[in-house]
Amino acid sequence: MIKNTLELVKVLTDRDTKNLSQKGLKLPEECGELSKNILPYEGAAGTFNRFIQKEKIADNCVDTILVALSIAYSLGYSDDELAAIMLK
């Protein structure tokens, strides 16, 4: 399943019209959404008016991962190369 998912990300990366800079700016946007949902999940001061389920945080994590993978694939990295970098 993981292999098929990564192949789909590669296909979508090839179809994506955003350039590397735009993808680079998309990544902190996704990180911001993740942070925005973690704070009320943990009950941080000033966030009591929002209730967030952990599934929303997982969705934000996946969005962040997908953008980061798209950036790496745009640079021509293979799955094996990315795995080696992760292990390093």
PDB file of N, CA and C in Angstrom:
ATOM      1  N   MET A   1       0.818  -1.194   0.000  1.00  0.00           N
ATOM      2  CA  MET A   1       0.000   0.000   0.000  1.00  0.00           C
ATOM      3  C   MET A   1       0.863   1.261   0.000  1.00  0.00           C
ATOM      4  N   ILE A   2       1.918   1.259   0.807  1.00  0.00           N
ATOM      5  CA  ILE A   2       2.804   2.432   0.867  1.00  0.00           C
ATOM      6  C   ILE A   2       3.380   2.722  -0.514  1.00  0.00           C
ATOM      7  N   LYS A   3       3.819   1.710  -1.206  1.00  0.00           N
ATOM      8  CA  LYS A   3       4.430   1.898  -2.528  1.00  0.00           C
ATOM      9  C   LYS A   3       3.435   2.540  -3.490  1.00  0.00           C
ATOM     10  N   ASN A   4       2.184   2.066  -3.475  1.00  0.00           N
ATOM     11  CA  ASN A   4       1.164   2.634  -4.349  1.00  0.00           C
ATOM     12  C   ASN A   4       0.884   4.086  -3.988  1.00  0.00           C
ATOM     13  N   THR A   5       0.886   4.393  -2.704  1.00  0.00           N
ATOM     14  CA  THR A   5       0.655   5.761  -2.253  1.00  0.00           C
ATOM     15  C   THR A   5       1.778   6.673  -2.720  1.00  0.00           C
ATOM     16  N   LEU A   6       3.002   6.225  -2.580  1.00  0.00           N
ATOM     17  CA  LEU A   6       4.140   7.033  -3.031  1.00  0.00           C
ATOM     18  C   LEU A   6       4.115   7.225  -4.545  1.00  0.00           C
ATOM     19  N   GLU A   7       3.708   6.211  -5.270  1.00  0.00           N
ATOM     20  CA  GLU A   7       3.597   6.342  -6.724  1.00  0.00           C
ATOM     21  C   GLU A   7       2.541   7.390  -7.084  1.00  0.00           C
ATOM     22  N   LEU A   8       1.432   7.400  -6.348  1.00  0.00           N
ATOM     23  CA  LEU A   8       0.394   8.394  -6.585  1.00  0.00           C
ATOM     24  C   LEU A   8       0.922   9.804  -6.296  1.00  0.00           C
ATOM     25  N   VAL A   9       1.689   9.952  -5.228  1.00  0.00           N
ATOM     26  CA  VAL A   9       2.277  11.260  -4.904  1.00  0.00           C
ATOM     27  C   VAL A   9       3.199  11.709  -6.027  1.00  0.00           C
ATOM     28  N   LYS A  10       3.965  10.787  -6.593  1.00  0.00           N
ATOM     29  CA  LYS A  10       4.854  11.138  -7.717  1.00  0.00           C
ATOM     30  C   LYS A  10       4.058  11.608  -8.931  1.00  0.00           C
ATOM     31  N   VAL A  11       2.982  10.903  -9.243  1.00  0.00           N
ATOM     32  CA  VAL A  11       2.144  11.277 -10.383  1.00  0.00           C
ATOM     33  C   VAL A  11       1.551  12.668 -10.157  1.00  0.00           C
ATOM     34  N   LEU A  12       1.035  12.894  -8.963  1.00  0.00           N
ATOM     35  CA  LEU A  12       0.440  14.196  -8.662  1.00  0.00           C
ATOM     36  C   LEU A  12       1.496  15.306  -8.648  1.00  0.00           C
ATOM     37  N   THR A  13       2.707  14.974  -8.215  1.00  0.00           N
ATOM     38  CA  THR A  13       3.805  15.948  -8.247  1.00  0.00           C
ATOM     39  C   THR A  13       4.109  16.355  -9.680  1.00  0.00           C
ATOM     40  N   ASP A  14       4.119  15.384 -10.585  1.00  0.00           N
ATOM     41  CA  ASP A  14       4.388  15.681 -11.998  1.00  0.00           C
ATOM     42  C   ASP A  14       3.300  16.561 -12.613  1.00  0.00           C
ATOM     43  N   ARG A  15       2.072  16.411 -12.135  1.00  0.00           N
ATOM     44  CA  ARG A  15       0.952  17.193 -12.662  1.00  0.00           C
ATOM     45  C   ARG A  15       0.829  18.565 -12.009  1.00  0.00           C
ATOM     46  N   ASP A  16       1.457  18.734 -10.857  1.00  0.00           N
ATOM     47  CA  ASP A  16       1.339  19.972 -10.088  1.00  0.00           C
ATOM     48  C   ASP A  16       1.968  21.133 -10.860  1.00  0.00           C
ATOM     49  N   THR A  17       1.279  22.243 -10.926  1.00  0.00           N
ATOM     50  CA  THR A  17       1.783  23.398 -11.660  1.00  0.00           C
ATOM     51  C   THR A  17       2.604  24.351 -10.784  1.00  0.00           C
ATOM     52  N   LYS A  18       2.648  24.092  -9.479  1.00  0.00           N
ATOM     53  CA  LYS A  18       3.436  24.957  -8.598  1.00  0.00           C
ATOM     54  C   LYS A  18       4.928  24.707  -8.828  1.00  0.00           C
ATOM     55  N   ASN A  19       5.714  25.801  -8.803  1.00  0.00           N
ATOM     56  CA  ASN A  19       7.158  25.639  -8.911  1.00  0.00           C
ATOM     57  C   ASN A  19       7.734  25.344  -7.525  1.00  0.00           C
ATOM     58  N   LEU A  20       9.027  25.151  -7.478  1.00  0.00           N
ATOM     59  CA  LEU A  20       9.676  24.771  -6.218  1.00  0.00           C
ATOM     60  C   LEU A  20       9.478  25.834  -5.132  1.00  0.00           C
ATOM     61  N   SER A  21       9.597  27.097  -5.495  1.00  0.00           N
ATOM     62  CA  SER A  21       9.402  28.171  -4.517  1.00  0.00           C
ATOM     63  C   SER A  21       7.987  28.169  -3.961  1.00  0.00           C
ATOM     64  N   GLN A  22       7.015  27.961  -4.823  1.00  0.00           N
ATOM     65  CA  GLN A  22       5.622  27.932  -4.380  1.00  0.00           C
ATOM     66  C   GLN A  22       5.362  26.745  -3.461  1.00  0.00           C
ATOM     67  N   LYS A  23       5.965  25.610  -3.786  1.00  0.00           N
ATOM     68  CA  LYS A  23       5.829  24.446  -2.900  1.00  0.00           C
ATOM     69  C   LYS A  23       6.518  24.713  -1.565  1.00  0.00           C
ATOM     70  N   GLY A  24       7.656  25.389  -1.636  1.00  0.00           N
ATOM     71  CA  GLY A  24       8.373  25.740  -0.415  1.00  0.00           C
ATOM     72  C   GLY A  24       7.560  26.655   0.479  1.00  0.00           C
ATOM     73  N   LEU A  25       6.786  27.538  -0.106  1.00  0.00           N
ATOM     74  CA  LEU A  25       5.917  28.418   0.677  1.00  0.00           C
ATOM     75  C   LEU A  25       4.654  27.698   1.151  1.00  0.00           C
ATOM     76  N   LYS A  26       4.246  26.683   0.439  1.00  0.00           N
ATOM     77  CA  LYS A  26       3.081  25.889   0.837  1.00  0.00           C
ATOM     78  C   LYS A  26       3.375  25.081   2.103  1.00  0.00           C
ATOM     79  N   LEU A  27       4.618  24.648   2.252  1.00  0.00           N
ATOM     80  CA  LEU A  27       4.982  23.826   3.402  1.00  0.00           C
ATOM     81  C   LEU A  27       4.759  24.542   4.735  1.00  0.00           C
ATOM     82  N   PRO A  28       5.247  25.773   4.928  1.00  0.00           N
ATOM     83  CA  PRO A  28       4.968  26.433   6.208  1.00  0.00           C
ATOM     84  C   PRO A  28       3.491  26.750   6.406  1.00  0.00           C
ATOM     85  N   GLU A  29       2.757  26.918   5.307  1.00  0.00           N
ATOM     86  CA  GLU A  29       1.306  27.106   5.431  1.00  0.00           C
ATOM     87  C   GLU A  29       0.682  25.866   6.065  1.00  0.00           C
ATOM     88  N   GLU A  30       1.094  24.692   5.578  1.00  0.00           N
ATOM     89  CA  GLU A  30       0.570  23.442   6.133  1.00  0.00           C
ATOM     90  C   GLU A  30       1.017  23.250   7.584  1.00  0.00           C
ATOM     91  N   CYS A  31       2.263  23.613   7.875  1.00  0.00           N
ATOM     92  CA  CYS A  31       2.758  23.530   9.258  1.00  0.00           C
ATOM     93  C   CYS A  31       1.966  24.455  10.173  1.00  0.00           C
ATOM     94  N   GLY A  32       1.607  25.620   9.665  1.00  0.00           N
ATOM     95  CA  GLY A  32       0.807  26.563  10.443  1.00  0.00           C
ATOM     96  C   GLY A  32      -0.566  26.001  10.763  1.00  0.00           C
ATOM     97  N   GLU A  33      -1.181  25.333   9.790  1.00  0.00           N
ATOM     98  CA  GLU A  33      -2.475  24.705  10.039  1.00  0.00           C
ATOM     99  C   GLU A  33      -2.342  23.612  11.097  1.00  0.00           C
ATOM    100  N   LEU A  34      -1.258  22.862  11.032  1.00  0.00           N
ATOM    101  CA  LEU A  34      -1.007  21.823  12.029  1.00  0.00           C
ATOM    102  C   LEU A  34      -0.884  22.444  13.415  1.00  0.00           C
ATOM    103  N   SER A  35      -0.082  23.480  13.529  1.00  0.00           N
ATOM    104  CA  SER A  35       0.105  24.157  14.815  1.00  0.00           C
ATOM    105  C   SER A  35      -1.210  24.730  15.325  1.00  0.00           C
ATOM    106  N   LYS A  36      -1.979  25.299  14.419  1.00  0.00           N
ATOM    107  CA  LYS A  36      -3.257  25.906  14.778  1.00  0.00           C
ATOM    108  C   LYS A  36      -4.220  24.882  15.393  1.00  0.00           C
ATOM    109  N   ASN A  37      -4.084  23.633  14.990  1.00  0.00           N
ATOM    110  CA  ASN A  37      -4.960  22.592  15.522  1.00  0.00           C
ATOM    111  C   ASN A  37      -4.383  21.887  16.748  1.00  0.00           C
ATOM    112  N   ILE A  38      -3.067  21.855  16.873  1.00  0.00           N
ATOM    113  CA  ILE A  38      -2.464  21.233  18.052  1.00  0.00           C
ATOM    114  C   ILE A  38      -2.741  22.049  19.307  1.00  0.00           C
ATOM    115  N   LEU A  39      -2.659  23.366  19.186  1.00  0.00           N
ATOM    116  CA  LEU A  39      -2.840  24.224  20.363  1.00  0.00           C
ATOM    117  C   LEU A  39      -4.181  24.001  21.054  1.00  0.00           C
ATOM    118  N   PRO A  40      -5.319  24.059  20.357  1.00  0.00           N
ATOM    119  CA  PRO A  40      -6.579  23.807  21.062  1.00  0.00           C
ATOM    120  C   PRO A  40      -6.742  22.348  21.491  1.00  0.00           C
ATOM    121  N   TYR A  41      -6.138  21.440  20.772  1.00  0.00           N
ATOM    122  CA  TYR A  41      -6.225  20.028  21.156  1.00  0.00           C
ATOM    123  C   TYR A  41      -5.628  19.828  22.545  1.00  0.00           C
ATOM    124  N   GLU A  42      -4.540  20.554  22.816  1.00  0.00           N
ATOM    125  CA  GLU A  42      -3.885  20.450  24.123  1.00  0.00           C
ATOM    126  C   GLU A  42      -4.438  21.445  25.134  1.00  0.00           C
ATOM    127  N   GLY A  43      -5.401  22.268  24.719  1.00  0.00           N
ATOM    128  CA  GLY A  43      -6.016  23.205  25.643  1.00  0.00           C
ATOM    129  C   GLY A  43      -5.155  24.415  25.969  1.00  0.00           C
ATOM    130  N   ALA A  44      -4.388  24.885  25.001  1.00  0.00           N
ATOM    131  CA  ALA A  44      -3.533  26.052  25.224  1.00  0.00           C
ATOM    132  C   ALA A  44      -4.397  27.274  25.525  1.00  0.00           C
ATOM    133  N   ALA A  45      -3.865  28.158  26.333  1.00  0.00           N
ATOM    134  CA  ALA A  45      -4.580  29.373  26.708  1.00  0.00           C
ATOM    135  C   ALA A  45      -5.013  30.137  25.456  1.00  0.00           C
ATOM    136  N   GLY A  46      -6.239  30.627  25.480  1.00  0.00           N
ATOM    137  CA  GLY A  46      -6.760  31.403  24.365  1.00  0.00           C
ATOM    138  C   GLY A  46      -7.345  30.571  23.242  1.00  0.00           C
ATOM    139  N   THR A  47      -7.378  29.255  23.408  1.00  0.00           N
ATOM    140  CA  THR A  47      -7.912  28.394  22.340  1.00  0.00           C
ATOM    141  C   THR A  47      -9.098  27.557  22.821  1.00  0.00           C
ATOM    142  N   PHE A  48      -9.662  27.927  23.950  1.00  0.00           N
ATOM    143  CA  PHE A  48     -10.738  27.122  24.541  1.00  0.00           C
ATOM    144  C   PHE A  48     -12.030  27.179  23.725  1.00  0.00           C
ATOM    145  N   ASN A  49     -12.137  28.120  22.802  1.00  0.00           N
ATOM    146  CA  ASN A  49     -13.349  28.225  21.995  1.00  0.00           C
ATOM    147  C   ASN A  49     -13.383  27.229  20.841  1.00  0.00           C
ATOM    148  N   ARG A  50     -12.295  26.476  20.647  1.00  0.00           N
ATOM    149  CA  ARG A  50     -12.246  25.495  19.560  1.00  0.00           C
ATOM    150  C   ARG A  50     -12.019  24.104  20.123  1.00  0.00           C
ATOM    151  N   PHE A  51     -12.713  23.134  19.546  1.00  0.00           N
ATOM    152  CA  PHE A  51     -12.503  21.738  19.907  1.00  0.00           C
ATOM    153  C   PHE A  51     -11.976  21.013  18.679  1.00  0.00           C
ATOM    154  N   ILE A  52     -10.825  20.387  18.815  1.00  0.00           N
ATOM    155  CA  ILE A  52     -10.180  19.701  17.694  1.00  0.00           C
ATOM    156  C   ILE A  52     -10.048  18.215  18.023  1.00  0.00           C
ATOM    157  N   GLN A  53     -10.431  17.385  17.083  1.00  0.00           N
ATOM    158  CA  GLN A  53     -10.244  15.953  17.248  1.00  0.00           C
ATOM    159  C   GLN A  53      -8.879  15.563  16.691  1.00  0.00           C
ATOM    160  N   LYS A  54      -8.315  14.504  17.254  1.00  0.00           N
ATOM    161  CA  LYS A  54      -6.963  14.115  16.839  1.00  0.00           C
ATOM    162  C   LYS A  54      -6.897  13.719  15.369  1.00  0.00           C
ATOM    163  N   GLU A  55      -8.008  13.304  14.776  1.00  0.00           N
ATOM    164  CA  GLU A  55      -8.018  12.969  13.355  1.00  0.00           C
ATOM    165  C   GLU A  55      -7.693  14.194  12.500  1.00  0.00           C
ATOM    166  N   LYS A  56      -8.115  15.372  12.932  1.00  0.00           N
ATOM    167  CA  LYS A  56      -7.809  16.609  12.209  1.00  0.00           C
ATOM    168  C   LYS A  56      -6.302  16.863  12.233  1.00  0.00           C
ATOM    169  N   ILE A  57      -5.675  16.573  13.363  1.00  0.00           N
ATOM    170  CA  ILE A  57      -4.227  16.733  13.472  1.00  0.00           C
ATOM    171  C   ILE A  57      -3.523  15.744  12.542  1.00  0.00           C
ATOM    172  N   ALA A  58      -4.031  14.515  12.481  1.00  0.00           N
ATOM    173  CA  ALA A  58      -3.448  13.524  11.566  1.00  0.00           C
ATOM    174  C   ALA A  58      -3.576  13.992  10.118  1.00  0.00           C
ATOM    175  N   ASP A  59      -4.736  14.568   9.759  1.00  0.00           N
ATOM    176  CA  ASP A  59      -4.913  15.114   8.409  1.00  0.00           C
ATOM    177  C   ASP A  59      -3.874  16.188   8.114  1.00  0.00           C
ATOM    178  N   ASN A  60      -3.639  17.075   9.093  1.00  0.00           N
ATOM    179  CA  ASN A  60      -2.648  18.138   8.915  1.00  0.00           C
ATOM    180  C   ASN A  60      -1.240  17.558   8.779  1.00  0.00           C
ATOM    181  N   CYS A  61      -0.940  16.512   9.534  1.00  0.00           N
ATOM    182  CA  CYS A  61       0.370  15.853   9.431  1.00  0.00           C
ATOM    183  C   CYS A  61       0.565  15.296   8.022  1.00  0.00           C
ATOM    184  N   VAL A  62      -0.457  14.645   7.506  1.00  0.00           N
ATOM    185  CA  VAL A  62      -0.372  14.060   6.170  1.00  0.00           C
ATOM    186  C   VAL A  62      -0.207  15.148   5.118  1.00  0.00           C
ATOM    187  N   ASP A  63      -0.946  16.252   5.246  1.00  0.00           N
ATOM    188  CA  ASP A  63      -0.784  17.359   4.299  1.00  0.00           C
ATOM    189  C   ASP A  63       0.659  17.852   4.282  1.00  0.00           C
ATOM    190  N   THR A  64       1.244  17.978   5.466  1.00  0.00           N
ATOM    191  CA  THR A  64       2.626  18.441   5.584  1.00  0.00           C
ATOM    192  C   THR A  64       3.584  17.446   4.932  1.00  0.00           C
ATOM    193  N   ILE A  65       3.375  16.171   5.197  1.00  0.00           N
ATOM    194  CA  ILE A  65       4.215  15.125   4.609  1.00  0.00           C
ATOM    195  C   ILE A  65       4.107  15.135   3.081  1.00  0.00           C
ATOM    196  N   LEU A  66       2.889  15.280   2.571  1.00  0.00           N
ATOM    197  CA  LEU A  66       2.687  15.266   1.122  1.00  0.00           C
ATOM    198  C   LEU A  66       3.400  16.425   0.436  1.00  0.00           C
ATOM    199  N   VAL A  67       3.329  17.600   1.026  1.00  0.00           N
ATOM    200  CA  VAL A  67       4.018  18.748   0.429  1.00  0.00           C
ATOM    201  C   VAL A  67       5.530  18.535   0.471  1.00  0.00           C
ATOM    202  N   ALA A  68       6.034  18.049   1.603  1.00  0.00           N
ATOM    203  CA  ALA A  68       7.473  17.807   1.720  1.00  0.00           C
ATOM    204  C   ALA A  68       7.931  16.747   0.711  1.00  0.00           C
ATOM    205  N   LEU A  69       7.158  15.688   0.552  1.00  0.00           N
ATOM    206  CA  LEU A  69       7.496  14.664  -0.441  1.00  0.00           C
ATOM    207  C   LEU A  69       7.474  15.241  -1.853  1.00  0.00           C
ATOM    208  N   SER A  70       6.488  16.062  -2.129  1.00  0.00           N
ATOM    209  CA  SER A  70       6.397  16.668  -3.451  1.00  0.00           C
ATOM    210  C   SER A  70       7.629  17.519  -3.758  1.00  0.00           C
ATOM    211  N   ILE A  71       8.120  18.228  -2.752  1.00  0.00           N
ATOM    212  CA  ILE A  71       9.334  19.026  -2.936  1.00  0.00           C
ATOM    213  C   ILE A  71      10.519  18.109  -3.260  1.00  0.00           C
ATOM    214  N   ALA A  72      10.663  17.034  -2.491  1.00  0.00           N
ATOM    215  CA  ALA A  72      11.781  16.109  -2.719  1.00  0.00           C
ATOM    216  C   ALA A  72      11.678  15.442  -4.089  1.00  0.00           C
ATOM    217  N   TYR A  73      10.470  15.022  -4.475  1.00  0.00           N
ATOM    218  CA  TYR A  73      10.297  14.410  -5.794  1.00  0.00           C
ATOM    219  C   TYR A  73      10.559  15.415  -6.906  1.00  0.00           C
ATOM    220  N   SER A  74      10.187  16.673  -6.684  1.00  0.00           N
ATOM    221  CA  SER A  74      10.456  17.719  -7.686  1.00  0.00           C
ATOM    222  C   SER A  74      11.947  17.901  -7.915  1.00  0.00           C
ATOM    223  N   LEU A  75      12.730  17.613  -6.890  1.00  0.00           N
ATOM    224  CA  LEU A  75      14.187  17.716  -7.006  1.00  0.00           C
ATOM    225  C   LEU A  75      14.812  16.456  -7.593  1.00  0.00           C
ATOM    226  N   GLY A  76      13.981  15.455  -7.898  1.00  0.00           N
ATOM    227  CA  GLY A  76      14.466  14.255  -8.554  1.00  0.00           C
ATOM    228  C   GLY A  76      14.886  13.123  -7.632  1.00  0.00           C
ATOM    229  N   TYR A  77      14.602  13.244  -6.338  1.00  0.00           N
ATOM    230  CA  TYR A  77      14.985  12.175  -5.416  1.00  0.00           C
ATOM    231  C   TYR A  77      14.084  10.956  -5.588  1.00  0.00           C
ATOM    232  N   SER A  78      14.665   9.783  -5.436  1.00  0.00           N
ATOM    233  CA  SER A  78      13.906   8.528  -5.500  1.00  0.00           C
ATOM    234  C   SER A  78      13.496   8.124  -4.087  1.00  0.00           C
ATOM    235  N   ASP A  79      12.615   7.146  -4.011  1.00  0.00           N
ATOM    236  CA  ASP A  79      12.199   6.636  -2.704  1.00  0.00           C
ATOM    237  C   ASP A  79      13.392   6.075  -1.930  1.00  0.00           C
ATOM    238  N   ASP A  80      14.262   5.360  -2.622  1.00  0.00           N
ATOM    239  CA  ASP A  80      15.433   4.772  -1.972  1.00  0.00           C
ATOM    240  C   ASP A  80      16.370   5.855  -1.434  1.00  0.00           C
ATOM    241  N   GLU A  81      16.559   6.897  -2.223  1.00  0.00           N
ATOM    242  CA  GLU A  81      17.414   7.993  -1.763  1.00  0.00           C
ATOM    243  C   GLU A  81      16.806   8.696  -0.545  1.00  0.00           C
ATOM    244  N   LEU A  82      15.497   8.909  -0.575  1.00  0.00           N
ATOM    245  CA  LEU A  82      14.841   9.554   0.567  1.00  0.00           C
ATOM    246  C   LEU A  82      14.902   8.669   1.805  1.00  0.00           C
ATOM    247  N   ALA A  83      14.728   7.362   1.607  1.00  0.00           N
ATOM    248  CA  ALA A  83      14.827   6.437   2.736  1.00  0.00           C
ATOM    249  C   ALA A  83      16.224   6.464   3.347  1.00  0.00           C
ATOM    250  N   ALA A  84      17.236   6.515   2.504  1.00  0.00           N
ATOM    251  CA  ALA A  84      18.622   6.577   2.999  1.00  0.00           C
ATOM    252  C   ALA A  84      18.860   7.867   3.779  1.00  0.00           C
ATOM    253  N   ILE A  85      18.308   8.974   3.285  1.00  0.00           N
ATOM    254  CA  ILE A  85      18.456  10.243   3.989  1.00  0.00           C
ATOM    255  C   ILE A  85      17.750  10.180   5.344  1.00  0.00           C
ATOM    256  N   MET A  86      16.571   9.564   5.381  1.00  0.00           N
ATOM    257  CA  MET A  86      15.827   9.437   6.656  1.00  0.00           C
ATOM    258  C   MET A  86      16.617   8.595   7.666  1.00  0.00           C
ATOM    259  N   LEU A  87      17.200   7.523   7.186  1.00  0.00           N
ATOM    260  CA  LEU A  87      17.961   6.656   8.084  1.00  0.00           C
ATOM    261  C   LEU A  87      19.236   7.323   8.587  1.00  0.00           C
ATOM    262  N   LYS A  88      19.772   8.192   7.763  1.00  0.00           N
ATOM    263  CA  LYS A  88      20.999   8.918   8.129  1.00  0.00           C
ATOM    264  C   LYS A  88      20.695   9.881   9.252  1.00  0.00           C
TER     265      LYS A  88
END
